[in-house]
C-alpha atoms as a PDB file:
ATOM      1  CA  MET A   1       0.000   0.000   0.000  1.00  0.00           C
ATOM      2  CA  PHE A   2       1.438   3.333  -1.009  1.00  0.00           C
ATOM      3  CA  LEU A   3       0.855   6.104   1.477  1.00  0.00           C
ATOM      4  CA  SER A   4       0.513   9.762   0.922  1.00  0.00           C
ATOM      5  CA  HIS A   5      -0.445  12.706   3.063  1.00  0.00           C
ATOM      6  CA  THR A   6      -2.804  14.505   0.721  1.00  0.00           C
ATOM      7  CA  HIS A   7      -5.450  17.066   1.522  1.00  0.00           C
ATOM      8  CA  THR A   8      -8.557  16.944  -0.621  1.00  0.00           C
ATOM      9  CA  LEU A   9     -10.387  19.625   1.381  1.00  0.00           C
ATOM     10  CA  PRO A  10      -9.250  21.792   4.300  1.00  0.00           C
ATOM     11  CA  THR A  11     -11.195  19.545   6.701  1.00  0.00           C
ATOM     12  CA  SER A  12     -10.429  16.149   5.165  1.00  0.00           C
ATOM     13  CA  ALA A  13      -7.348  14.105   4.436  1.00  0.00           C
ATOM     14  CA  GLN A  14      -6.667  10.961   2.459  1.00  0.00           C
ATOM     15  CA  PHE A  15      -4.242   8.121   2.947  1.00  0.00           C
ATOM     16  CA  GLY A  16      -3.527   5.344   0.500  1.00  0.00           C
ATOM     17  CA  GLY A  17      -2.753   5.261  -3.176  1.00  0.00           C
ATOM     18  CA  ALA A  18      -6.067   6.565  -4.519  1.00  0.00           C
ATOM     19  CA  ASP A  19      -6.181   9.769  -6.513  1.00  0.00           C
ATOM     20  CA  PRO A  20      -8.658  12.409  -5.225  1.00  0.00           C
ATOM     21  CA  ALA A  21      -9.832  12.934  -8.815  1.00  0.00           C
ATOM     22  CA  GLN A  22     -11.170   9.350  -8.824  1.00  0.00           C
ATOM     23  CA  ASP A  23     -13.655  10.124  -6.016  1.00  0.00           C
ATOM     24  CA  LYS A  24     -16.261  11.000  -8.669  1.00  0.00           C
ATOM     25  CA  LEU A  25     -16.085   7.434  -9.972  1.00  0.00           C
ATOM     26  CA  ILE A  26     -16.998   5.795  -6.642  1.00  0.00           C
ATOM     27  CA  ASP A  27     -20.536   4.432  -6.413  1.00  0.00           C
ATOM     28  CA  PRO A  28     -21.926   5.592  -3.014  1.00  0.00           C
ATOM     29  CA  SER A  29     -23.894   2.356  -2.590  1.00  0.00           C
ATOM     30  CA  SER A  30     -20.642   0.361  -2.679  1.00  0.00           C
ATOM     31  CA  VAL A  31     -19.194   2.152   0.362  1.00  0.00           C
ATOM     32  CA  SER A  32     -19.953   0.057   3.414  1.00  0.00           C
ATOM     33  CA  HIS A  33     -16.932   0.455   5.684  1.00  0.00           C
ATOM     34  CA  LEU A  34     -17.605   3.611   7.699  1.00  0.00           C
ATOM     35  CA  PHE A  35     -15.893   4.193  11.033  1.00  0.00           C
ATOM     36  CA  GLN A  36     -16.049   6.965  13.614  1.00  0.00           C
ATOM     37  CA  ILE A  37     -12.545   7.904  14.724  1.00  0.00           C
ATOM     38  CA  SER A  38     -13.497  10.718  17.107  1.00  0.00           C
ATOM     39  CA  PRO A  39     -16.628  12.854  17.615  1.00  0.00           C
ATOM     40  CA  SER A  40     -15.625  15.122  14.722  1.00  0.00           C
ATOM     41  CA  VAL A  41     -13.590  12.753  12.490  1.00  0.00           C
ATOM     42  CA  GLY A  42     -14.958   9.883  10.425  1.00  0.00           C
ATOM     43  CA  CYS A  43     -13.308   7.408   8.090  1.00  0.00           C
ATOM     44  CA  VAL A  44     -14.428   5.475   5.037  1.00  0.00           C
ATOM     45  CA  MET A  45     -12.332   2.446   4.075  1.00  0.00           C
ATOM     46  CA  THR A  46     -12.173   0.154   1.087  1.00  0.00           C
ATOM     47  CA  GLY A  47     -10.354  -3.137   0.693  1.00  0.00           C
ATOM     48  CA  SER A  48      -9.966  -5.950   3.202  1.00  0.00           C
ATOM     49  CA  ILE A  49     -12.507  -5.475   6.024  1.00  0.00           C
ATOM     50  CA  ALA A  50     -10.138  -7.034   8.580  1.00  0.00           C
ATOM     51  CA  ASP A  51      -7.362  -4.604   7.689  1.00  0.00           C
ATOM     52  CA  ALA A  52      -9.852  -1.718   7.565  1.00  0.00           C
ATOM     53  CA  ARG A  53     -11.110  -2.491  11.078  1.00  0.00           C
ATOM     54  CA  ALA A  54      -7.572  -2.789  12.430  1.00  0.00           C
ATOM     55  CA  PHE A  55      -6.559   0.479  10.758  1.00  0.00           C
ATOM     56  CA  ALA A  56      -9.655   2.300  12.038  1.00  0.00           C
ATOM     57  CA  ARG A  57      -9.101   0.947  15.558  1.00  0.00           C
ATOM     58  CA  ARG A  58      -5.499   2.157  15.492  1.00  0.00           C
ATOM     59  CA  ALA A  59      -6.744   5.597  14.396  1.00  0.00           C
ATOM     60  CA  GLN A  60      -9.234   5.626  17.287  1.00  0.00           C
ATOM     61  CA  ILE A  61      -6.488   4.736  19.756  1.00  0.00           C
ATOM     62  CA  GLU A  62      -4.152   7.423  18.404  1.00  0.00           C
ATOM     63  CA  ALA A  63      -6.926  10.048  18.577  1.00  0.00           C
ATOM     64  CA  ALA A  64      -7.867   9.037  22.144  1.00  0.00           C
ATOM     65  CA  GLU A  65      -4.241   9.152  23.336  1.00  0.00           C
ATOM     66  CA  PHE A  66      -3.782  12.577  21.742  1.00  0.00           C
ATOM     67  CA  LYS A  67      -6.907  13.911  23.464  1.00  0.00           C
ATOM     68  CA  TYR A  68      -5.763  12.494  26.804  1.00  0.00           C
ATOM     69  CA  LYS A  69      -2.297  14.085  26.489  1.00  0.00           C
ATOM     70  CA  PHE A  70      -3.236  17.489  25.078  1.00  0.00           C
ATOM     71  CA  GLY A  71      -6.865  18.016  26.151  1.00  0.00           C
ATOM     72  CA  TYR A  72      -8.368  18.597  22.701  1.00  0.00           C
ATOM     73  CA  GLU A  73      -9.286  16.408  19.725  1.00  0.00           C
ATOM     74  CA  MET A  74      -6.604  15.387  17.286  1.00  0.00           C
ATOM     75  CA  PRO A  75      -7.029  17.222  13.961  1.00  0.00           C
ATOM     76  CA  CYS A  76      -7.846  15.174  10.884  1.00  0.00           C
ATOM     77  CA  ASP A  77      -4.562  15.941   9.126  1.00  0.00           C
ATOM     78  CA  ALA A  78      -2.560  14.956  12.221  1.00  0.00           C
ATOM     79  CA  ILE A  79      -4.345  11.589  12.424  1.00  0.00           C
ATOM     80  CA  THR A  80      -3.642  10.999   8.753  1.00  0.00           C
ATOM     81  CA  LYS A  81       0.034  11.876   9.072  1.00  0.00           C
ATOM     82  CA  ARG A  82       0.399   9.634  12.144  1.00  0.00           C
ATOM     83  CA  LEU A  83      -1.248   6.659  10.384  1.00  0.00           C
ATOM     84  CA  ALA A  84       0.883   7.190   7.283  1.00  0.00           C
ATOM     85  CA  ASN A  85       4.043   7.208   9.407  1.00  0.00           C
ATOM     86  CA  LEU A  86       3.005   4.024  11.230  1.00  0.00           C
ATOM     87  CA  SER A  87       2.165   2.279   7.958  1.00  0.00           C
ATOM     88  CA  GLN A  88       5.502   3.291   6.468  1.00  0.00           C
ATOM     89  CA  VAL A  89       7.271   1.564   9.369  1.00  0.00           C
ATOM     90  CA  TYR A  90       5.305  -1.624   8.616  1.00  0.00           C
ATOM     91  CA  THR A  91       6.709  -1.677   5.073  1.00  0.00           C
ATOM     92  CA  GLN A  92      10.242  -1.704   6.486  1.00  0.00           C
ATOM     93  CA  ARG A  93       9.752  -4.753   8.721  1.00  0.00           C
ATOM     94  CA  VAL A  94      10.320  -8.215   7.292  1.00  0.00           C
ATOM     95  CA  ARG A  95       7.463 -10.251   8.784  1.00  0.00           C
ATOM     96  CA  VAL A  96       4.751  -7.585   8.808  1.00  0.00           C
ATOM     97  CA  CYS A  97       2.328  -7.378   5.879  1.00  0.00           C
ATOM     98  CA  ALA A  98       1.216  -4.022   4.585  1.00  0.00           C
ATOM     99  CA  SER A  99      -2.482  -3.234   4.944  1.00  0.00           C
ATOM    100  CA  ALA A 100      -4.707  -4.262   2.042  1.00  0.00           C
ATOM    101  CA  CYS A 101      -6.954  -1.245   2.417  1.00  0.00           C
ATOM    102  CA  THR A 102      -7.146   2.431   1.662  1.00  0.00           C
ATOM    103  CA  GLY A 103      -9.284   5.097   3.249  1.00  0.00           C
ATOM    104  CA  LYS A 104     -10.309   8.681   3.591  1.00  0.00           C
ATOM    105  CA  LEU A 105     -10.675  10.642   6.824  1.00  0.00           C
ATOM    106  CA  THR A 106     -13.123  13.534   7.031  1.00  0.00           C
END
């Protein structure tokens, strides 16, 4: 999985290899993997549901730890950057498989 830290809107961020221009080609009825990361941040995932759940859970944990440490919610772009950095580390380890999913945080 290729990771990027790309902003599609000021309040949303995307991770994965998808191009923001391809969002118009997505059929809304095919999107079934929606996750709530924090009260103000949501995530839509595509790909392996097991990997999507694990990735969303990791995002929830990162957001909760950030709120505990700093007293306010983690911004969407910070969550995205943190997940991209963690996923990049996974590509450098021998026995760890990269996630078979991509997603968009809003």
